[in-house]
Protein backbone atom coordinates (compact mmCIF):
# COMPACT_ATOMS: atom_id res chain seq x y z
CA MET A 1 0.00 0.00 0.00
CA SER A 2 1.10 3.56 -0.64
CA ALA A 3 1.90 6.27 1.88
CA PHE A 4 -1.37 7.95 0.90
CA ALA A 5 -3.37 4.86 1.82
CA TYR A 6 -1.64 4.54 5.20
CA THR A 7 -2.14 8.24 5.91
CA LEU A 8 -5.80 7.96 4.96
CA ALA A 9 -6.23 4.88 7.19
CA VAL A 10 -4.67 6.72 10.14
CA PHE A 11 -6.93 9.72 9.48
CA ILE A 12 -10.03 7.50 9.38
CA LEU A 13 -9.07 5.70 12.59
CA ALA A 14 -8.25 8.99 14.34
CA THR A 15 -11.56 10.59 13.38
CA ALA A 16 -13.50 7.46 14.38
CA VAL A 17 -11.84 7.42 17.79
CA ALA A 18 -12.31 11.17 18.21
CA THR A 19 -16.01 10.86 17.32
CA ALA A 20 -16.45 8.21 20.00
CA LEU A 21 -14.46 10.05 22.68
CA PHE A 22 -15.63 13.65 22.26
CA ARG A 23 -18.27 14.60 24.79
CA ASP A 24 -19.12 17.88 23.07
CA VAL A 25 -21.88 17.11 20.58
CA LEU A 26 -20.90 19.74 18.02
CA SER A 27 -17.30 18.56 17.99
CA ALA A 28 -18.39 14.95 17.57
CA ILE A 29 -20.66 15.86 14.63
CA ILE A 30 -17.93 17.82 12.86
CA VAL A 31 -15.37 15.05 13.33
CA PHE A 32 -17.95 12.48 12.20
CA GLY A 33 -18.43 14.48 8.99
CA ALA A 34 -14.65 14.41 8.46
CA TYR A 35 -14.68 10.65 9.08
CA SER A 36 -17.37 10.17 6.42
CA LEU A 37 -15.43 12.30 3.98
CA GLY A 38 -12.31 10.22 4.68
CA MET A 39 -14.28 7.04 4.00
CA ALA A 40 -15.53 8.53 0.71
CA ILE A 41 -11.93 9.25 -0.31
CA LEU A 42 -10.94 5.72 0.67
CA TYR A 43 -13.72 4.24 -1.45
CA THR A 44 -12.56 6.36 -4.37
CA PHE A 45 -8.99 5.15 -3.83
CA LEU A 46 -10.28 1.56 -3.84
CA LEU A 47 -11.98 2.22 -7.20
CA ALA A 48 -15.56 2.14 -5.91
CA PRO A 49 -16.88 5.54 -7.05
CA ASP A 50 -20.55 4.60 -6.60
CA VAL A 51 -20.00 3.79 -2.92
CA ALA A 52 -17.79 6.89 -2.54
CA MET A 53 -20.52 9.18 -3.92
CA THR A 54 -23.10 7.60 -1.63
CA GLU A 55 -20.85 7.99 1.42
CA ALA A 56 -20.04 11.59 0.53
CA ALA A 57 -23.67 12.53 -0.11
CA ILE A 58 -25.32 10.64 2.76
CA GLY A 59 -22.56 10.31 5.36
CA ALA A 60 -20.64 13.56 5.00
CA GLY A 61 -23.49 15.60 3.56
CA VAL A 62 -27.05 14.85 4.57
CA THR A 63 -26.33 13.15 7.92
CA THR A 64 -24.01 15.94 9.06
CA ILE A 65 -26.53 18.59 8.05
CA LEU A 66 -29.39 16.80 9.82
CA LEU A 67 -27.34 16.39 12.98
CA LEU A 68 -26.31 20.07 12.90
CA LEU A 69 -29.94 21.11 12.38
CA THR A 70 -30.94 18.93 15.30
CA ILE A 71 -28.50 20.53 17.74
CA ALA A 72 -29.36 23.99 16.38
CA ARG A 73 -32.99 23.38 17.38
CA THR A 74 -32.14 22.03 20.82
CA THR A 75 -30.17 23.37 23.73
CA ARG A 76 -26.48 22.59 23.70
CA PRO A 77 -24.83 22.09 27.07
CA THR A 78 -21.64 24.03 27.55
CA THR A 79 -18.48 22.18 28.33
CA ASP A 80 -15.03 23.47 29.13
CA ARG A 81 -13.17 20.42 27.93
CA LEU A 82 -13.78 18.33 24.84
CA LEU A 83 -12.49 15.19 26.53
CA GLU A 84 -14.06 15.13 29.99
CA ARG A 85 -12.71 11.66 30.69
CA ILE A 86 -11.09 8.78 28.87
CA ASP A 87 -13.57 6.02 28.17
CA LEU A 88 -11.56 2.87 28.99
CA PRO A 89 -13.83 0.38 27.13
CA ALA A 90 -13.65 2.51 23.99
CA VAL A 91 -9.85 2.70 24.21
CA VAL A 92 -9.62 -1.09 24.71
CA ALA A 93 -11.98 -1.73 21.76
CA VAL A 94 -10.03 0.59 19.46
CA GLY A 95 -6.75 -0.99 20.58
CA ALA A 96 -8.09 -4.48 19.85
CA PHE A 97 -9.33 -3.30 16.45
CA VAL A 98 -5.92 -1.87 15.56
CA VAL A 99 -4.16 -5.08 16.64
CA VAL A 100 -6.55 -7.23 14.59
CA CYS A 101 -6.14 -5.01 11.52
CA ALA A 102 -2.36 -4.91 11.83
CA THR A 103 -1.96 -8.66 12.30
CA LEU A 104 -4.80 -10.20 10.30
CA VAL A 105 -6.28 -7.77 7.78
CA LEU A 106 -3.41 -5.65 6.41
CA PRO A 107 -1.07 -8.58 5.57
CA GLU A 108 -3.89 -10.21 3.56
CA MET A 109 -4.81 -7.10 1.55
CA TYR A 110 -3.65 -6.72 -2.02
CA ALA A 111 -2.54 -3.40 -3.44
CA VAL A 112 -4.98 -1.66 -5.78
CA GLY A 113 -4.22 -2.86 -9.31
CA ASP A 114 -2.03 -5.77 -8.14
CA PRO A 115 -2.14 -8.34 -10.99
CA SER A 116 -1.73 -11.21 -8.51
CA ALA A 117 -4.85 -10.18 -6.58
CA PRO A 118 -7.81 -12.52 -6.96
CA VAL A 119 -10.37 -10.99 -9.26
CA TRP A 120 -13.49 -12.77 -8.09
CA ALA A 121 -14.76 -14.05 -4.77
CA ASN A 122 -16.97 -16.56 -6.60
CA GLU A 123 -15.59 -16.84 -10.09
CA ASP A 124 -18.57 -18.67 -11.64
CA VAL A 125 -21.18 -16.17 -10.47
CA THR A 126 -19.07 -13.13 -11.33
CA GLN A 127 -18.21 -14.52 -14.75
CA HIS A 128 -21.92 -15.13 -15.42
CA TYR A 129 -22.73 -11.49 -14.63
CA ILE A 130 -19.87 -10.21 -16.79
CA GLU A 131 -20.74 -12.40 -19.77
CA GLU A 132 -24.55 -12.30 -19.61
CA ALA A 133 -25.36 -8.85 -18.20
CA TYR A 134 -25.75 -7.10 -21.54
CA ASP A 135 -27.66 -9.92 -23.22
CA GLN A 136 -30.08 -10.34 -20.31
CA THR A 137 -30.59 -6.68 -19.38
CA GLY A 138 -29.52 -4.58 -22.36
CA VAL A 139 -27.39 -2.42 -20.04
CA HIS A 140 -23.76 -1.83 -21.09
CA ASN A 141 -22.38 -1.29 -17.57
CA ALA A 142 -22.24 -4.53 -15.53
CA VAL A 143 -22.53 -2.73 -12.18
CA THR A 144 -25.63 -0.85 -13.33
CA ALA A 145 -27.08 -4.09 -14.70
CA VAL A 146 -26.62 -5.81 -11.35
CA LEU A 147 -28.10 -2.90 -9.36
CA ALA A 148 -30.99 -2.15 -11.70
CA ALA A 149 -31.93 -5.58 -13.03
CA TYR A 150 -30.60 -8.41 -10.93
CA ARG A 151 -31.04 -6.55 -7.65
CA GLY A 152 -33.90 -4.36 -8.77
CA PHE A 153 -36.22 -5.08 -5.85
CA ASP A 154 -33.42 -4.47 -3.36
CA THR A 155 -32.48 -1.19 -5.02
CA PHE A 156 -36.15 -0.17 -5.14
CA GLY A 157 -36.46 -0.98 -1.42
CA GLU A 158 -33.43 1.17 -0.64
CA ALA A 159 -34.91 4.03 -2.66
CA VAL A 160 -38.21 3.72 -0.77
CA VAL A 161 -36.38 3.86 2.58
CA VAL A 162 -34.37 6.95 1.55
CA PHE A 163 -37.55 8.63 0.23
CA ALA A 164 -39.45 7.84 3.44
CA ALA A 165 -36.57 9.21 5.54
CA GLY A 166 -36.50 12.39 3.47
CA VAL A 167 -40.26 12.93 3.74
CA SER A 168 -40.17 12.24 7.49
CA THR A 169 -37.32 14.71 7.93
CA LEU A 170 -39.17 17.40 5.99
CA LEU A 171 -42.30 16.81 8.08
CA VAL A 172 -40.36 17.05 11.34
CA LEU A 173 -38.50 20.18 10.25
CA LYS A 174 -41.73 21.79 9.03
CA ARG A 175 -43.45 20.94 12.31
CA GLU A 176 -40.51 22.42 14.25
CA VAL A 177 -40.52 25.63 12.19
CA PHE A 178 -44.22 26.33 12.81
CA ALA A 179 -44.32 25.17 16.44
């Protein structure tokens, strides 16, 4: 892995830990937005632009805005220190996570574009999608074919959930504005 990937991984871990440890709500929300943005950059680096756009839009964008609107409409307790105390279980959990990643996950990861990396988790299924996607769906992009045709009901369900969340949010915000 490159220095950029290691730096990005450290940034993501640091923002995740900071989000969990900050007791000030505004600080936690801002750092969480940075964490989501870091994850979006990581997904882009791993050549998954569809997941990166979703993370940037939902995680770093909409979620951060909704959380900021929520604390703007409520009272925010004042605090002198951002870290009032160290949460020992959180520190132990993060430490265990780092040890597991360093010993089990990172040695098994392949570099992006490594020709020796395995291409498919299940070669027969993946090969079927690659070879038959256009003939069965008429869609040129295999990823779009899988999301729109093969997983159409799942994608429709996700769209319904996002739409329902958006309508619910608008109703709550409208109710709060006129209350």
